[in-house]
Amino acid sequence: MNVLVTGGAGFIGSHVVRFLLEDGYQVKVVDNLSRGNKESVDSRAELIVADINNSKKVKEALKGVDAVIHMAGLIVVPESVKDPIKYCENNVIGAVSLIESMRKAGVKKIIFSSSACVYGTPDKLPIKEDAPVRPDNPYGASKASIETFLQTYNVIHGFDSIILRYFNPYGPGEEHVPETHAIPNFIKATLAKKPIPLYWQGEQIRDFIYIEDLARAHIDVLDQKGYQVFNIGTEKGIKVKDVISEIFKIVGYEVPIKDLGERLGDVHANFASSEKLKKAVGWRPKVELKDGLKRTVDYYES
């Protein structure tokens, strides 16, 4: 199978590309490199530097492709609150442009990188895939919009549209500029012996999924058909302040906490039920948080 990965130069995308190649797939990457790193793309993959809105280049990239893993998009919740139009134009319009190019090229299988943000504030935990979709921020709204388009393309064009709703990925290789995700910022501040920036005093509960476990799920669902939605999480919620305590144990010392107060668009608690994905393809998370944090600290130390 020949697979096209959009956003394959990003943190998650580069890991997915590596797993695909190791499993014997032919891989093309489309990435505009606005937030990805060329150096992160495995040299065995073909890199096409282009925006997903560039129909001409995407058409060329789709030649010979059997499936698309769509991961390109803006991902910063506070940024989406400040500039929702930017997130609509980039994430939603970009995705529709991509799937229209796919339709014209006769490529009708897509794995979409969605988010637990589509659920907003959940009624109950753990969150199952049939929970209401009511995002609390424009980033989540953009993901929910794309999901709806993919469901529509399944109905009217016969697309196999597989939605993967990520909870909180972390691990080695996360190099966003600026970095906005919690765990890399916590680790970098700790290693630099600077105060850790912390919202909500760390009382919010999250489901942190190790990057390799997350990446593997994309390959596991490639043979799925129809329109399907799967959560990807560990099914374990942990307070953010307890993650910091674990980082302190790993490095053997503590640093001060910088209280940033509350933040618009944040959900107090979410963690996944991944039972549906387990039953469908046998996927299971393998890396415990303690081990994943140790590997991530080692990465940033080196």
Protein backbone atom coordinates (compact mmCIF):
# COMPACT_ATOMS: atom_id res chain seq x y z
CA MET A 1 0.00 0.00 0.00
CA ASN A 2 1.15 3.51 -0.85
CA VAL A 3 0.23 6.03 1.87
CA LEU A 4 0.29 9.83 1.78
CA VAL A 5 0.79 11.53 5.16
CA THR A 6 -0.10 15.21 5.38
CA GLY A 7 1.76 16.97 8.18
CA GLY A 8 4.31 14.17 8.19
CA ALA A 9 7.08 16.54 9.26
CA GLY A 10 5.35 17.22 12.56
CA PHE A 11 5.73 15.59 15.95
CA ILE A 12 3.08 12.90 15.54
CA GLY A 13 3.32 12.70 11.76
CA SER A 14 7.02 11.90 11.73
CA HIS A 15 6.47 8.96 14.09
CA VAL A 16 3.59 7.66 11.95
CA VAL A 17 5.79 7.89 8.85
CA ARG A 18 8.54 5.89 10.56
CA PHE A 19 6.12 3.15 11.65
CA LEU A 20 4.63 2.94 8.15
CA LEU A 21 8.07 2.55 6.60
CA GLU A 22 9.10 -0.06 9.14
CA ASP A 23 5.98 -2.04 8.24
CA GLY A 24 6.85 -1.99 4.55
CA TYR A 25 4.53 0.74 3.26
CA GLN A 26 5.53 3.19 0.55
CA VAL A 27 5.20 6.69 2.03
CA LYS A 28 4.85 10.20 0.67
CA VAL A 29 4.74 13.25 2.94
CA VAL A 30 3.03 16.54 2.14
CA ASP A 31 3.99 19.30 4.57
CA ASN A 32 4.40 23.05 4.13
CA LEU A 33 7.03 23.06 6.91
CA SER A 34 5.40 26.08 8.56
CA ARG A 35 5.46 24.21 11.87
CA GLY A 36 7.07 20.91 10.96
CA ASN A 37 10.75 20.09 10.62
CA LYS A 38 12.27 18.76 7.42
CA GLU A 39 14.87 16.92 9.51
CA SER A 40 12.10 14.96 11.24
CA VAL A 41 11.00 13.26 8.01
CA ASP A 42 12.51 9.80 7.53
CA SER A 43 14.83 9.84 4.50
CA ARG A 44 13.07 6.76 3.09
CA ALA A 45 9.88 8.79 2.57
CA GLU A 46 9.27 11.13 -0.36
CA LEU A 47 8.80 14.69 0.92
CA ILE A 48 6.67 17.13 -1.08
CA VAL A 49 6.87 20.64 0.37
CA ALA A 50 3.41 22.04 -0.27
CA ASP A 51 0.29 23.32 1.42
CA ILE A 52 -2.77 21.04 1.38
CA ASN A 53 -4.65 23.92 -0.28
CA ASN A 54 -2.31 23.66 -3.27
CA SER A 55 -4.53 21.47 -5.43
CA LYS A 56 -1.98 21.14 -8.22
CA LYS A 57 0.78 19.78 -5.97
CA VAL A 58 -1.62 17.63 -3.97
CA LYS A 59 -2.96 16.13 -7.22
CA GLU A 60 0.58 15.15 -8.19
CA ALA A 61 1.28 13.76 -4.71
CA LEU A 62 -1.86 11.60 -4.84
CA LYS A 63 -0.72 9.67 -7.92
CA GLY A 64 -0.42 6.00 -7.02
CA VAL A 65 -1.66 6.57 -3.47
CA ASP A 66 -4.06 4.11 -1.82
CA ALA A 67 -4.78 5.94 1.45
CA VAL A 68 -4.23 9.31 3.10
CA ILE A 69 -3.41 9.94 6.75
CA HIS A 70 -4.40 13.56 7.28
CA MET A 71 -2.46 15.18 10.12
CA ALA A 72 -1.72 18.66 8.77
CA GLY A 73 -3.31 21.45 10.78
CA LEU A 74 -2.95 24.07 13.48
CA ILE A 75 -3.24 22.65 16.99
CA VAL A 76 -2.85 25.38 19.62
CA VAL A 77 -6.04 25.90 21.67
CA PRO A 78 -5.26 29.44 23.00
CA GLU A 79 -4.24 30.56 19.51
CA SER A 80 -7.54 29.25 18.15
CA VAL A 81 -9.43 31.28 20.77
CA LYS A 82 -7.57 34.44 19.69
CA ASP A 83 -7.84 33.79 15.96
CA PRO A 84 -10.72 31.43 15.07
CA ILE A 85 -10.80 32.57 11.44
CA LYS A 86 -7.23 31.40 10.99
CA TYR A 87 -8.20 27.96 12.33
CA CYS A 88 -11.22 27.73 10.09
CA GLU A 89 -9.27 28.73 6.99
CA ASN A 90 -6.31 26.49 7.70
CA ASN A 91 -7.92 23.42 9.28
CA VAL A 92 -11.41 23.23 7.78
CA ILE A 93 -10.95 24.77 4.34
CA GLY A 94 -7.59 23.01 4.02
CA ALA A 95 -9.15 19.63 4.83
CA VAL A 96 -12.03 20.12 2.38
CA SER A 97 -9.55 21.10 -0.33
CA LEU A 98 -7.58 17.92 0.40
CA ILE A 99 -10.57 15.57 0.32
CA GLU A 100 -11.85 17.17 -2.87
CA SER A 101 -8.44 16.51 -4.43
CA MET A 102 -8.71 12.93 -3.17
CA ARG A 103 -12.17 12.53 -4.67
CA LYS A 104 -10.98 13.75 -8.06
CA ALA A 105 -7.97 11.41 -7.87
CA GLY A 106 -10.12 8.41 -6.93
CA VAL A 107 -8.47 8.00 -3.50
CA LYS A 108 -11.26 7.20 -1.06
CA LYS A 109 -9.58 6.09 2.16
CA ILE A 110 -8.59 8.65 4.79
CA ILE A 111 -7.43 8.37 8.39
CA PHE A 112 -8.07 11.69 10.11
CA SER A 113 -6.15 13.10 13.06
CA SER A 114 -8.91 14.45 15.30
CA SER A 115 -8.93 15.38 18.97
CA ALA A 116 -10.66 14.80 22.29
CA CYS A 117 -11.33 18.57 22.12
CA VAL A 118 -14.40 17.79 20.02
CA TYR A 119 -16.15 16.53 23.18
CA GLY A 120 -15.73 19.75 25.14
CA THR A 121 -16.76 19.35 28.77
CA PRO A 122 -17.91 15.74 29.13
CA ASP A 123 -21.05 14.64 30.98
CA LYS A 124 -19.29 11.56 32.33
CA LEU A 125 -15.92 9.83 32.36
CA PRO A 126 -14.34 7.93 30.73
CA ILE A 127 -15.44 9.48 27.45
CA LYS A 128 -16.86 7.10 24.85
CA GLU A 129 -17.15 7.79 21.15
CA ASP A 130 -20.92 8.25 21.35
CA ALA A 131 -20.59 11.14 23.83
CA PRO A 132 -22.01 14.49 22.62
CA VAL A 133 -19.78 16.54 20.34
CA ARG A 134 -19.79 20.11 21.67
CA PRO A 135 -16.31 21.64 21.57
CA ASP A 136 -15.31 24.39 24.00
CA ASN A 137 -12.81 26.11 21.70
CA PRO A 138 -12.37 26.90 17.99
CA TYR A 139 -9.62 24.29 17.60
CA GLY A 140 -12.04 21.58 18.72
CA ALA A 141 -14.74 23.11 16.52
CA SER A 142 -12.45 22.88 13.49
CA LYS A 143 -11.82 19.19 14.17
CA ALA A 144 -15.54 18.50 14.63
CA SER A 145 -16.28 20.30 11.35
CA ILE A 146 -13.79 18.15 9.45
CA GLU A 147 -15.29 15.01 10.98
CA THR A 148 -18.69 16.09 9.65
CA PHE A 149 -17.31 16.66 6.16
CA LEU A 150 -15.70 13.23 6.20
CA GLN A 151 -18.97 11.63 7.27
CA THR A 152 -20.67 13.43 4.38
CA TYR A 153 -18.03 12.20 1.92
CA ASN A 154 -18.61 8.68 3.20
CA VAL A 155 -22.33 9.02 2.48
CA ILE A 156 -22.21 10.65 -0.96
CA HIS A 157 -18.85 9.47 -2.33
CA GLY A 158 -18.21 6.18 -0.53
CA PHE A 159 -15.12 7.34 1.34
CA ASP A 160 -13.65 5.12 4.05
CA SER A 161 -13.34 7.87 6.67
CA ILE A 162 -11.65 6.71 9.88
CA ILE A 163 -11.55 9.30 12.66
CA LEU A 164 -8.94 9.02 15.43
CA ARG A 165 -9.67 11.26 18.40
CA TYR A 166 -6.38 11.79 20.26
CA PHE A 167 -6.29 12.54 23.92
CA ASN A 168 -2.93 14.01 25.09
CA PRO A 169 0.09 12.82 23.10
CA TYR A 170 3.61 13.24 24.49
CA GLY A 171 7.06 11.80 23.96
CA PRO A 172 10.46 12.28 22.32
CA GLY A 173 10.70 14.47 19.25
CA GLU A 174 8.23 17.20 20.18
CA GLU A 175 9.83 20.40 18.93
CA HIS A 176 7.07 22.94 18.31
CA VAL A 177 8.16 26.58 18.03
CA PRO A 178 6.89 27.96 20.29
CA GLU A 179 6.18 24.88 22.37
CA THR A 180 2.68 25.02 23.80
CA HIS A 181 2.16 21.48 25.10
CA ALA A 182 2.38 20.76 28.79
CA ILE A 183 4.83 17.88 29.18
CA PRO A 184 7.68 19.22 26.99
CA ASN A 185 7.36 22.62 28.67
CA PHE A 186 7.41 21.03 32.12
CA ILE A 187 10.49 18.96 31.27
CA LYS A 188 12.37 21.80 29.58
CA ALA A 189 11.74 24.14 32.52
CA THR A 190 12.81 21.46 34.99
CA LEU A 191 16.03 20.66 33.14
CA ALA A 192 16.81 24.38 32.88
CA LYS A 193 15.99 24.71 36.61
CA LYS A 194 13.43 27.41 35.88
CA PRO A 195 9.88 27.78 37.25
CA ILE A 196 7.31 25.50 35.57
CA PRO A 197 4.42 27.40 33.92
CA LEU A 198 1.18 25.87 35.24
CA TYR A 199 -2.49 26.61 34.59
CA TRP A 200 -5.30 25.75 37.01
CA GLN A 201 -2.68 24.91 39.67
CA GLY A 202 -2.33 21.53 37.97
CA GLU A 203 -5.73 20.30 39.14
CA GLN A 204 -6.98 19.51 35.61
CA ILE A 205 -7.16 15.80 34.73
CA ARG A 206 -5.78 14.50 31.43
CA ASP A 207 -5.14 11.21 29.63
CA PHE A 208 -1.53 11.24 28.40
CA ILE A 209 -0.80 8.80 25.56
CA TYR A 210 2.79 7.96 24.58
CA ILE A 211 3.67 8.94 21.02
CA GLU A 212 4.62 5.44 19.81
CA ASP A 213 1.37 3.94 21.08
CA LEU A 214 -0.55 6.71 19.32
CA ALA A 215 1.40 6.35 16.07
CA ARG A 216 0.88 2.60 15.92
CA ALA A 217 -2.92 3.04 15.96
CA HIS A 218 -2.82 4.77 12.55
CA ILE A 219 -1.34 1.69 10.92
CA ASP A 220 -3.69 -0.64 12.81
CA VAL A 221 -6.81 1.04 11.37
CA LEU A 222 -5.70 1.20 7.74
CA ASP A 223 -7.89 -1.75 6.76
CA GLN A 224 -11.05 -0.37 8.44
CA LYS A 225 -14.04 0.46 6.24
CA GLY A 226 -16.88 2.97 6.23
CA TYR A 227 -17.19 5.91 8.61
CA GLN A 228 -15.79 5.07 12.02
CA VAL A 229 -14.69 7.02 15.08
CA PHE A 230 -12.12 5.78 17.60
CA ASN A 231 -10.68 7.30 20.76
CA ILE A 232 -6.96 6.87 21.40
CA GLY A 233 -6.06 7.14 25.07
CA THR A 234 -4.78 5.13 28.00
CA GLU A 235 -8.15 5.12 29.80
CA LYS A 236 -6.35 6.56 32.84
CA GLY A 237 -6.86 10.12 34.04
CA ILE A 238 -4.09 11.84 35.99
CA LYS A 239 -3.86 15.31 37.50
CA VAL A 240 -1.35 17.50 35.71
CA LYS A 241 0.36 18.36 39.02
CA ASP A 242 1.01 14.63 39.54
CA VAL A 243 2.76 14.49 36.16
CA ILE A 244 5.06 17.24 37.40
CA SER A 245 5.76 15.28 40.58
CA GLU A 246 6.73 12.27 38.46
CA ILE A 247 9.13 14.42 36.41
CA PHE A 248 10.71 15.64 39.65
CA LYS A 249 11.24 12.02 40.74
CA ILE A 250 12.93 11.19 37.45
CA VAL A 251 15.38 14.10 37.55
CA GLY A 252 15.95 13.88 41.31
CA TYR A 253 15.13 17.49 42.22
CA GLU A 254 12.28 20.03 42.16
CA VAL A 255 11.87 23.51 40.71
CA PRO A 256 9.34 26.25 41.60
CA ILE A 257 5.88 26.44 40.04
CA LYS A 258 4.74 29.58 38.18
CA ASP A 259 0.97 29.89 38.66
CA LEU A 260 -0.66 31.09 35.42
CA GLY A 261 -4.21 30.98 36.73
CA GLU A 262 -7.08 29.84 34.53
CA ARG A 263 -7.10 29.63 30.73
CA LEU A 264 -10.01 30.07 28.32
CA GLY A 265 -10.94 26.99 26.32
CA ASP A 266 -9.61 24.44 28.82
CA VAL A 267 -11.67 21.47 29.99
CA HIS A 268 -11.29 20.51 33.66
CA ALA A 269 -11.15 16.74 33.13
CA ASN A 270 -11.10 14.24 30.29
CA PHE A 271 -9.87 10.72 29.77
CA ALA A 272 -10.76 8.12 27.22
CA SER A 273 -12.53 4.88 26.82
CA SER A 274 -10.54 3.13 24.07
CA GLU A 275 -12.54 -0.09 24.27
CA LYS A 276 -13.94 0.37 20.76
CA LEU A 277 -10.47 0.53 19.20
CA LYS A 278 -9.30 -2.47 21.22
CA LYS A 279 -12.20 -4.57 19.98
CA ALA A 280 -11.85 -3.44 16.36
CA VAL A 281 -8.12 -3.96 15.80
CA GLY A 282 -6.61 -5.29 19.03
CA TRP A 283 -4.72 -2.03 19.73
CA ARG A 284 -3.56 -1.39 23.28
CA PRO A 285 -1.28 1.22 24.84
CA LYS A 286 1.98 -0.42 25.86
CA VAL A 287 4.00 2.37 27.50
CA GLU A 288 3.10 3.39 31.05
CA LEU A 289 3.30 7.10 31.92
CA LYS A 290 6.31 6.65 34.20
CA ASP A 291 8.32 4.93 31.46
CA GLY A 292 7.17 7.35 28.77
CA LEU A 293 8.17 10.34 30.88
CA LYS A 294 11.60 8.80 31.52
CA ARG A 295 12.16 8.33 27.78
CA THR A 296 11.00 11.90 27.12
CA VAL A 297 13.26 13.38 29.81
CA ASP A 298 16.18 11.40 28.36
CA TYR A 299 15.40 12.84 24.91
CA TYR A 300 15.43 16.45 26.09
CA GLU A 301 18.53 15.88 28.20
CA SER A 302 20.39 14.64 25.14
